[in-house]
Amino acid sequence: MLSSNLIVPFAILKASLEAFVEMGGGRIVMFCSIVAFREDEGLSGYTATKVGLRGLINTSRREVKERNNVSIHGVYNQSIQYTGMKTILDSVLYLLSVPLGVDVDLVIDAYPPR
């Protein structure tokens, strides 16, 4: 879980940032989870990796702040089962319309009532 939820996104983000800086700009959309903002019982390992990913997104933004043509977006959604694929795709389309250099987080909380 640690590899797929944190280590691999870290490697992809760092490689993408280097490429975008060389190209003069670009956009990175990182998919996280709503649990990066709240704790769900029984998901301590998963939650830890998603909080780490949220930190990676926010810290990476600060590291490239002077590079105005690089955007790092975070999408924090519930599972596809509750969110729906159309909502996820609409989120990506929206993020593509945001000017480069502007970082946006989208939080999609579509949990069924508890």
C-alpha atoms as a PDB file:
ATOM      1  CA  MET A   1       0.000   0.000   0.000  1.00  0.00           C
ATOM      2  CA  LEU A   2       2.805   2.419   0.831  1.00  0.00           C
ATOM      3  CA  SER A   3       4.366   1.918  -2.600  1.00  0.00           C
ATOM      4  CA  SER A   4       1.217   2.428  -4.663  1.00  0.00           C
ATOM      5  CA  ASN A   5      -0.253   5.239  -2.562  1.00  0.00           C
ATOM      6  CA  LEU A   6       2.828   7.328  -1.803  1.00  0.00           C
ATOM      7  CA  ILE A   7       6.174   6.171  -3.186  1.00  0.00           C
ATOM      8  CA  VAL A   8       5.052   5.780  -6.814  1.00  0.00           C
ATOM      9  CA  PRO A   9       3.138   9.119  -6.861  1.00  0.00           C
ATOM     10  CA  PHE A  10       6.259  10.759  -5.376  1.00  0.00           C
ATOM     11  CA  ALA A  11       8.475   9.383  -8.152  1.00  0.00           C
ATOM     12  CA  ILE A  12       5.992  10.340 -10.878  1.00  0.00           C
ATOM     13  CA  LEU A  13       5.533  13.848  -9.462  1.00  0.00           C
ATOM     14  CA  LYS A  14       9.277  14.520  -9.231  1.00  0.00           C
ATOM     15  CA  ALA A  15       9.932  13.219 -12.766  1.00  0.00           C
ATOM     16  CA  SER A  16       7.002  15.234 -14.140  1.00  0.00           C
ATOM     17  CA  LEU A  17       8.157  18.420 -12.424  1.00  0.00           C
ATOM     18  CA  GLU A  18      11.617  18.118 -13.933  1.00  0.00           C
ATOM     19  CA  ALA A  19      10.160  17.558 -17.405  1.00  0.00           C
ATOM     20  CA  PHE A  20       7.692  20.445 -17.107  1.00  0.00           C
ATOM     21  CA  VAL A  21      10.386  22.851 -15.924  1.00  0.00           C
ATOM     22  CA  GLU A  22      12.488  21.926 -18.971  1.00  0.00           C
ATOM     23  CA  MET A  23       9.443  22.343 -21.264  1.00  0.00           C
ATOM     24  CA  GLY A  24       8.502  25.705 -19.765  1.00  0.00           C
ATOM     25  CA  GLY A  25       5.287  24.623 -18.069  1.00  0.00           C
ATOM     26  CA  GLY A  26       2.731  21.942 -17.450  1.00  0.00           C
ATOM     27  CA  ARG A  27      -0.018  20.662 -15.228  1.00  0.00           C
ATOM     28  CA  ILE A  28      -0.044  17.769 -12.760  1.00  0.00           C
ATOM     29  CA  VAL A  29      -3.289  16.353 -11.380  1.00  0.00           C
ATOM     30  CA  MET A  30      -2.798  14.145  -8.330  1.00  0.00           C
ATOM     31  CA  PHE A  31      -5.675  11.997  -7.129  1.00  0.00           C
ATOM     32  CA  CYS A  32      -5.806  11.527  -3.411  1.00  0.00           C
ATOM     33  CA  SER A  33      -8.668  10.655  -1.083  1.00  0.00           C
ATOM     34  CA  ILE A  34     -11.075  12.472   1.166  1.00  0.00           C
ATOM     35  CA  VAL A  35      -9.522  10.572   4.081  1.00  0.00           C
ATOM     36  CA  ALA A  36      -6.552  12.950   3.794  1.00  0.00           C
ATOM     37  CA  PHE A  37      -8.855  15.383   5.638  1.00  0.00           C
ATOM     38  CA  ARG A  38     -10.642  13.018   8.011  1.00  0.00           C
ATOM     39  CA  GLU A  39     -10.053   9.721   9.725  1.00  0.00           C
ATOM     40  CA  ASP A  40     -12.202   6.687   8.962  1.00  0.00           C
ATOM     41  CA  GLU A  41     -12.144   3.827  11.422  1.00  0.00           C
ATOM     42  CA  GLY A  42     -10.202   0.798  10.278  1.00  0.00           C
ATOM     43  CA  LEU A  43      -8.206   2.648   7.620  1.00  0.00           C
ATOM     44  CA  SER A  44      -5.137   3.812   9.559  1.00  0.00           C
ATOM     45  CA  GLY A  45      -2.531   2.615   7.038  1.00  0.00           C
ATOM     46  CA  TYR A  46      -4.481   3.906   4.043  1.00  0.00           C
ATOM     47  CA  THR A  47      -5.167   7.230   5.771  1.00  0.00           C
ATOM     48  CA  ALA A  48      -1.490   7.665   6.639  1.00  0.00           C
ATOM     49  CA  THR A  49      -0.475   7.248   2.992  1.00  0.00           C
ATOM     50  CA  LYS A  50      -3.131   9.721   1.806  1.00  0.00           C
ATOM     51  CA  VAL A  51      -2.162  12.336   4.384  1.00  0.00           C
ATOM     52  CA  GLY A  52       1.411  11.868   3.173  1.00  0.00           C
ATOM     53  CA  LEU A  53       0.290  12.376  -0.433  1.00  0.00           C
ATOM     54  CA  ARG A  54      -1.537  15.560   0.550  1.00  0.00           C
ATOM     55  CA  GLY A  55       1.675  16.805   2.160  1.00  0.00           C
ATOM     56  CA  LEU A  56       3.634  15.908  -0.968  1.00  0.00           C
ATOM     57  CA  ILE A  57       1.208  17.914  -3.126  1.00  0.00           C
ATOM     58  CA  ASN A  58       1.322  20.988  -0.886  1.00  0.00           C
ATOM     59  CA  THR A  59       5.083  20.934  -0.354  1.00  0.00           C
ATOM     60  CA  SER A  60       5.798  20.414  -4.057  1.00  0.00           C
ATOM     61  CA  ARG A  61       3.700  23.478  -4.842  1.00  0.00           C
ATOM     62  CA  ARG A  62       5.913  25.577  -2.581  1.00  0.00           C
ATOM     63  CA  GLU A  63       9.054  24.166  -4.175  1.00  0.00           C
ATOM     64  CA  VAL A  64       7.969  25.281  -7.666  1.00  0.00           C
ATOM     65  CA  LYS A  65       6.236  28.504  -6.627  1.00  0.00           C
ATOM     66  CA  GLU A  66       8.561  30.731  -8.681  1.00  0.00           C
ATOM     67  CA  ARG A  67       7.877  28.696 -11.819  1.00  0.00           C
ATOM     68  CA  ASN A  68       4.627  30.310 -12.904  1.00  0.00           C
ATOM     69  CA  ASN A  69       3.826  27.853 -15.664  1.00  0.00           C
ATOM     70  CA  VAL A  70       3.635  24.734 -13.502  1.00  0.00           C
ATOM     71  CA  SER A  71       0.396  23.827 -11.729  1.00  0.00           C
ATOM     72  CA  ILE A  72      -0.114  21.029  -9.237  1.00  0.00           C
ATOM     73  CA  HIS A  73      -3.731  20.145  -8.554  1.00  0.00           C
ATOM     74  CA  GLY A  74      -5.092  17.783  -5.918  1.00  0.00           C
ATOM     75  CA  VAL A  75      -8.382  15.937  -6.310  1.00  0.00           C
ATOM     76  CA  TYR A  76      -9.619  14.533  -3.024  1.00  0.00           C
ATOM     77  CA  ASN A  77     -12.512  12.237  -3.770  1.00  0.00           C
ATOM     78  CA  GLN A  78     -14.488   9.485  -2.192  1.00  0.00           C
ATOM     79  CA  SER A  79     -14.343   6.094  -3.863  1.00  0.00           C
ATOM     80  CA  ILE A  80     -15.474   5.904  -7.486  1.00  0.00           C
ATOM     81  CA  GLN A  81     -18.417   3.842  -6.236  1.00  0.00           C
ATOM     82  CA  TYR A  82     -19.829   6.886  -4.421  1.00  0.00           C
ATOM     83  CA  THR A  83     -18.352   9.698  -6.489  1.00  0.00           C
ATOM     84  CA  GLY A  84     -18.995   8.350  -9.965  1.00  0.00           C
ATOM     85  CA  MET A  85     -16.600   8.404 -12.887  1.00  0.00           C
ATOM     86  CA  LYS A  86     -18.407  11.327 -14.569  1.00  0.00           C
ATOM     87  CA  THR A  87     -17.760  13.528 -11.531  1.00  0.00           C
ATOM     88  CA  ILE A  88     -14.070  12.640 -11.637  1.00  0.00           C
ATOM     89  CA  LEU A  89     -13.849  13.372 -15.365  1.00  0.00           C
ATOM     90  CA  ASP A  90     -15.711  16.669 -14.935  1.00  0.00           C
ATOM     91  CA  SER A  91     -13.194  17.604 -12.240  1.00  0.00           C
ATOM     92  CA  VAL A  92     -10.273  16.979 -14.581  1.00  0.00           C
ATOM     93  CA  LEU A  93     -11.932  18.994 -17.363  1.00  0.00           C
ATOM     94  CA  TYR A  94     -12.417  21.871 -14.937  1.00  0.00           C
ATOM     95  CA  LEU A  95      -8.779  21.724 -13.825  1.00  0.00           C
ATOM     96  CA  LEU A  96      -7.648  21.848 -17.452  1.00  0.00           C
ATOM     97  CA  SER A  97      -9.456  25.189 -17.771  1.00  0.00           C
ATOM     98  CA  VAL A  98      -7.579  26.755 -14.843  1.00  0.00           C
ATOM     99  CA  PRO A  99      -4.679  28.981 -15.976  1.00  0.00           C
ATOM    100  CA  LEU A 100      -1.209  27.489 -15.590  1.00  0.00           C
ATOM    101  CA  GLY A 101       0.475  28.662 -12.429  1.00  0.00           C
ATOM    102  CA  VAL A 102      -2.765  28.526 -10.436  1.00  0.00           C
ATOM    103  CA  ASP A 103      -3.013  25.572  -8.065  1.00  0.00           C
ATOM    104  CA  VAL A 104      -6.455  24.220  -7.197  1.00  0.00           C
ATOM    105  CA  ASP A 105      -7.665  21.530  -4.818  1.00  0.00           C
ATOM    106  CA  LEU A 106     -11.021  19.908  -5.416  1.00  0.00           C
ATOM    107  CA  VAL A 107     -12.713  18.036  -2.594  1.00  0.00           C
ATOM    108  CA  ILE A 108     -15.485  15.704  -3.712  1.00  0.00           C
ATOM    109  CA  ASP A 109     -17.241  14.311  -0.666  1.00  0.00           C
ATOM    110  CA  ALA A 110     -19.986  12.048  -1.880  1.00  0.00           C
ATOM    111  CA  TYR A 111     -20.148   9.699   1.053  1.00  0.00           C
ATOM    112  CA  PRO A 112     -23.578   8.227   1.659  1.00  0.00           C
ATOM    113  CA  PRO A 113     -25.212   9.501   4.859  1.00  0.00           C
ATOM    114  CA  ARG A 114     -23.971   7.714   7.982  1.00  0.00           C
END
